[in-house]
């Protein structure tokens, strides 16, 4: 696990933690982006208009397929809070 500090949008330092779960989660976001970019290059200008919940549902679907994560991890990710 990587732990470190970063600045938020107001320049305040906050602690961040990257676990294997976080890394895999973010890689699935990249996977979704690359898939759409390759399949529908003319529509990438609409990428920002895809609702956040659709991004997260895609990622959770991919995480469920891996069968590597506990129910608590997935619920925490779904509701963006620590369970």
N, C-alpha and C. Protein backbone atom coordinates (compact mmCIF):
# COMPACT_ATOMS: atom_id res chain seq x y z
N UNK A 1 0.84 -1.18 0.00
CA UNK A 1 0.00 0.00 0.00
C UNK A 1 0.88 1.24 0.00
N UNK A 2 0.52 2.20 -0.81
CA UNK A 2 1.20 3.49 -0.82
C UNK A 2 0.41 4.46 0.03
N UNK A 3 1.09 5.20 0.85
CA UNK A 3 0.44 6.26 1.62
C UNK A 3 1.24 7.53 1.41
N UNK A 4 0.57 8.62 1.33
CA UNK A 4 1.26 9.88 1.12
C UNK A 4 0.36 11.05 1.40
N UNK A 5 0.81 12.23 1.03
CA UNK A 5 0.01 13.44 1.21
C UNK A 5 -0.16 14.12 -0.13
N UNK A 6 -1.27 14.78 -0.27
CA UNK A 6 -1.54 15.55 -1.48
C UNK A 6 -2.27 16.82 -1.07
N UNK A 7 -2.34 17.76 -1.96
CA UNK A 7 -3.07 19.00 -1.70
C UNK A 7 -4.44 18.92 -2.35
N UNK A 8 -5.46 19.35 -1.62
CA UNK A 8 -6.79 19.38 -2.21
C UNK A 8 -6.94 20.66 -3.03
N UNK A 9 -8.14 20.92 -3.51
CA UNK A 9 -8.35 22.06 -4.40
C UNK A 9 -8.11 23.40 -3.73
N UNK A 10 -8.10 23.44 -2.40
CA UNK A 10 -7.85 24.70 -1.68
C UNK A 10 -6.43 24.77 -1.15
N UNK A 11 -5.58 23.82 -1.53
CA UNK A 11 -4.19 23.84 -1.11
C UNK A 11 -3.96 23.28 0.28
N UNK A 12 -4.95 22.56 0.81
CA UNK A 12 -4.81 21.97 2.14
C UNK A 12 -4.30 20.54 1.98
N UNK A 13 -3.26 20.20 2.74
CA UNK A 13 -2.70 18.85 2.67
C UNK A 13 -3.66 17.86 3.32
N UNK A 14 -3.81 16.72 2.67
CA UNK A 14 -4.63 15.66 3.24
C UNK A 14 -3.93 14.34 2.98
N UNK A 15 -4.20 13.37 3.82
CA UNK A 15 -3.60 12.05 3.67
C UNK A 15 -4.35 11.26 2.61
N UNK A 16 -3.61 10.52 1.81
CA UNK A 16 -4.22 9.64 0.84
C UNK A 16 -3.60 8.26 0.98
N UNK A 17 -4.36 7.26 0.63
CA UNK A 17 -3.90 5.89 0.70
C UNK A 17 -4.26 5.18 -0.59
N UNK A 18 -3.29 4.51 -1.19
CA UNK A 18 -3.55 3.72 -2.38
C UNK A 18 -3.33 2.26 -2.03
N UNK A 19 -4.37 1.50 -2.15
CA UNK A 19 -4.28 0.06 -1.92
C UNK A 19 -4.33 -0.64 -3.27
N UNK A 20 -4.16 -1.95 -3.26
CA UNK A 20 -4.30 -2.71 -4.50
C UNK A 20 -5.70 -2.52 -5.07
N UNK A 21 -6.67 -2.44 -4.18
CA UNK A 21 -8.06 -2.25 -4.60
C UNK A 21 -8.22 -0.91 -5.32
N UNK A 22 -7.67 0.15 -4.73
CA UNK A 22 -7.76 1.49 -5.34
C UNK A 22 -7.11 1.49 -6.72
N UNK A 23 -5.96 0.87 -6.81
CA UNK A 23 -5.24 0.83 -8.08
C UNK A 23 -6.05 0.10 -9.14
N UNK A 24 -6.60 -1.07 -8.77
CA UNK A 24 -7.39 -1.82 -9.74
C UNK A 24 -8.64 -1.04 -10.13
N UNK A 25 -9.25 -0.37 -9.17
CA UNK A 25 -10.43 0.44 -9.45
C UNK A 25 -10.11 1.50 -10.50
N UNK A 26 -9.03 2.22 -10.30
CA UNK A 26 -8.66 3.29 -11.24
C UNK A 26 -8.26 2.73 -12.60
N UNK A 27 -7.63 1.56 -12.62
CA UNK A 27 -7.27 0.95 -13.90
C UNK A 27 -8.51 0.56 -14.70
N UNK A 28 -9.58 0.18 -14.01
CA UNK A 28 -10.82 -0.13 -14.72
C UNK A 28 -11.43 1.14 -15.33
N UNK A 29 -11.24 2.28 -14.68
CA UNK A 29 -11.68 3.54 -15.29
C UNK A 29 -10.90 3.80 -16.59
N UNK A 30 -9.60 3.55 -16.54
CA UNK A 30 -8.76 3.73 -17.73
C UNK A 30 -9.19 2.75 -18.81
N UNK A 31 -9.45 1.51 -18.42
CA UNK A 31 -9.90 0.50 -19.37
C UNK A 31 -11.18 0.95 -20.08
N UNK A 32 -12.13 1.48 -19.32
CA UNK A 32 -13.38 1.97 -19.91
C UNK A 32 -13.10 3.11 -20.90
N UNK A 33 -12.25 4.04 -20.49
CA UNK A 33 -11.91 5.17 -21.36
C UNK A 33 -11.28 4.68 -22.67
N UNK A 34 -10.32 3.77 -22.56
CA UNK A 34 -9.62 3.28 -23.75
C UNK A 34 -10.56 2.48 -24.66
N UNK A 35 -11.44 1.70 -24.06
CA UNK A 35 -12.40 0.93 -24.85
C UNK A 35 -13.29 1.88 -25.67
N UNK A 36 -13.83 2.88 -25.00
CA UNK A 36 -14.69 3.83 -25.70
C UNK A 36 -13.92 4.64 -26.73
N UNK A 37 -12.69 4.99 -26.40
CA UNK A 37 -11.86 5.76 -27.33
C UNK A 37 -11.59 4.96 -28.61
N UNK A 38 -11.33 3.67 -28.46
CA UNK A 38 -11.05 2.83 -29.62
C UNK A 38 -12.30 2.49 -30.42
N UNK A 39 -13.41 2.29 -29.74
CA UNK A 39 -14.65 1.89 -30.42
C UNK A 39 -15.43 3.07 -31.00
N UNK A 40 -15.35 4.22 -30.32
CA UNK A 40 -16.15 5.38 -30.75
C UNK A 40 -15.32 6.66 -30.70
N UNK A 41 -14.27 6.75 -31.51
CA UNK A 41 -13.39 7.92 -31.43
C UNK A 41 -14.09 9.25 -31.72
N UNK A 42 -15.11 9.23 -32.55
CA UNK A 42 -15.80 10.48 -32.90
C UNK A 42 -16.67 11.02 -31.77
N UNK A 43 -16.94 10.18 -30.78
CA UNK A 43 -17.83 10.59 -29.70
C UNK A 43 -17.10 10.89 -28.39
N UNK A 44 -15.78 10.90 -28.42
CA UNK A 44 -15.02 11.13 -27.18
C UNK A 44 -15.24 12.53 -26.63
N UNK A 45 -15.72 13.44 -27.46
CA UNK A 45 -16.01 14.79 -26.96
C UNK A 45 -17.15 14.75 -25.94
N UNK A 46 -17.90 13.66 -25.91
CA UNK A 46 -19.00 13.52 -24.95
C UNK A 46 -18.61 12.75 -23.69
N UNK A 47 -17.34 12.37 -23.59
CA UNK A 47 -16.87 11.58 -22.44
C UNK A 47 -17.24 12.24 -21.12
N UNK A 48 -17.06 13.53 -21.01
CA UNK A 48 -17.33 14.25 -19.76
C UNK A 48 -18.82 14.29 -19.43
N UNK A 49 -19.67 14.01 -20.40
CA UNK A 49 -21.11 14.05 -20.17
C UNK A 49 -21.67 12.73 -19.66
N UNK A 50 -20.85 11.68 -19.66
CA UNK A 50 -21.31 10.41 -19.11
C UNK A 50 -21.44 10.57 -17.61
N UNK A 51 -22.61 10.28 -17.04
CA UNK A 51 -22.79 10.47 -15.60
C UNK A 51 -21.82 9.62 -14.78
N UNK A 52 -21.38 10.16 -13.66
CA UNK A 52 -20.42 9.48 -12.80
C UNK A 52 -20.90 8.10 -12.38
N UNK A 53 -22.20 7.98 -12.08
CA UNK A 53 -22.68 6.69 -11.61
C UNK A 53 -22.50 5.60 -12.68
N UNK A 54 -22.51 5.97 -13.95
CA UNK A 54 -22.29 4.97 -15.00
C UNK A 54 -20.84 4.50 -15.01
N UNK A 55 -19.92 5.42 -14.78
CA UNK A 55 -18.51 5.04 -14.67
C UNK A 55 -18.34 4.06 -13.51
N UNK A 56 -18.92 4.42 -12.36
CA UNK A 56 -18.76 3.59 -11.16
C UNK A 56 -19.44 2.24 -11.30
N UNK A 57 -20.59 2.19 -11.96
CA UNK A 57 -21.25 0.91 -12.18
C UNK A 57 -20.41 0.00 -13.08
N UNK A 58 -19.79 0.57 -14.08
CA UNK A 58 -18.91 -0.22 -14.94
C UNK A 58 -17.75 -0.79 -14.13
N UNK A 59 -17.13 0.06 -13.32
CA UNK A 59 -15.99 -0.38 -12.52
C UNK A 59 -16.41 -1.46 -11.52
N UNK A 60 -17.53 -1.27 -10.85
CA UNK A 60 -17.99 -2.28 -9.90
C UNK A 60 -18.32 -3.59 -10.60
N UNK A 61 -18.88 -3.51 -11.79
CA UNK A 61 -19.15 -4.72 -12.56
C UNK A 61 -17.86 -5.47 -12.84
N UNK A 62 -16.83 -4.76 -13.25
CA UNK A 62 -15.53 -5.39 -13.53
C UNK A 62 -14.91 -5.96 -12.26
N UNK A 63 -15.05 -5.24 -11.15
CA UNK A 63 -14.50 -5.74 -9.88
C UNK A 63 -15.22 -7.00 -9.44
N UNK A 64 -16.53 -7.06 -9.63
CA UNK A 64 -17.28 -8.26 -9.26
C UNK A 64 -16.85 -9.46 -10.10
N UNK A 65 -16.53 -9.23 -11.35
CA UNK A 65 -16.09 -10.32 -12.22
C UNK A 65 -14.76 -10.91 -11.78
N UNK A 66 -13.92 -10.10 -11.14
CA UNK A 66 -12.61 -10.62 -10.71
C UNK A 66 -12.74 -11.55 -9.52
N UNK A 67 -13.76 -11.38 -8.70
CA UNK A 67 -14.02 -12.21 -7.51
C UNK A 67 -12.85 -12.20 -6.52
N UNK A 68 -12.11 -11.09 -6.49
CA UNK A 68 -10.96 -10.97 -5.58
C UNK A 68 -11.25 -10.12 -4.36
N UNK A 69 -12.42 -9.49 -4.29
CA UNK A 69 -12.64 -8.48 -3.28
C UNK A 69 -13.77 -8.85 -2.34
N UNK A 70 -13.64 -8.42 -1.11
CA UNK A 70 -14.65 -8.67 -0.09
C UNK A 70 -15.87 -7.79 -0.32
N UNK A 71 -16.98 -8.24 0.22
CA UNK A 71 -18.22 -7.47 0.13
C UNK A 71 -18.03 -6.07 0.70
N UNK A 72 -17.28 -5.95 1.80
CA UNK A 72 -17.07 -4.66 2.45
C UNK A 72 -16.33 -3.69 1.52
N UNK A 73 -15.36 -4.21 0.77
CA UNK A 73 -14.62 -3.36 -0.18
C UNK A 73 -15.55 -2.80 -1.24
N UNK A 74 -16.40 -3.66 -1.77
CA UNK A 74 -17.31 -3.24 -2.85
C UNK A 74 -18.35 -2.26 -2.34
N UNK A 75 -18.90 -2.52 -1.15
CA UNK A 75 -19.89 -1.59 -0.58
C UNK A 75 -19.26 -0.24 -0.27
N UNK A 76 -18.04 -0.28 0.24
CA UNK A 76 -17.32 0.95 0.53
C UNK A 76 -17.12 1.75 -0.76
N UNK A 77 -16.76 1.08 -1.82
CA UNK A 77 -16.55 1.74 -3.09
C UNK A 77 -17.86 2.29 -3.65
N UNK A 78 -18.92 1.51 -3.53
CA UNK A 78 -20.22 1.92 -4.06
C UNK A 78 -20.74 3.17 -3.38
N UNK A 79 -20.57 3.24 -2.07
CA UNK A 79 -21.12 4.37 -1.32
C UNK A 79 -20.07 5.41 -0.95
N UNK A 80 -18.82 5.22 -1.44
CA UNK A 80 -17.72 6.17 -1.20
C UNK A 80 -17.52 6.46 0.28
N UNK A 81 -17.52 5.43 1.08
CA UNK A 81 -17.27 5.60 2.51
C UNK A 81 -16.62 4.34 3.04
N UNK A 82 -16.04 4.45 4.20
CA UNK A 82 -15.40 3.30 4.83
C UNK A 82 -16.45 2.50 5.57
N UNK A 83 -16.50 1.19 5.29
CA UNK A 83 -17.47 0.32 5.96
C UNK A 83 -16.76 -0.40 7.08
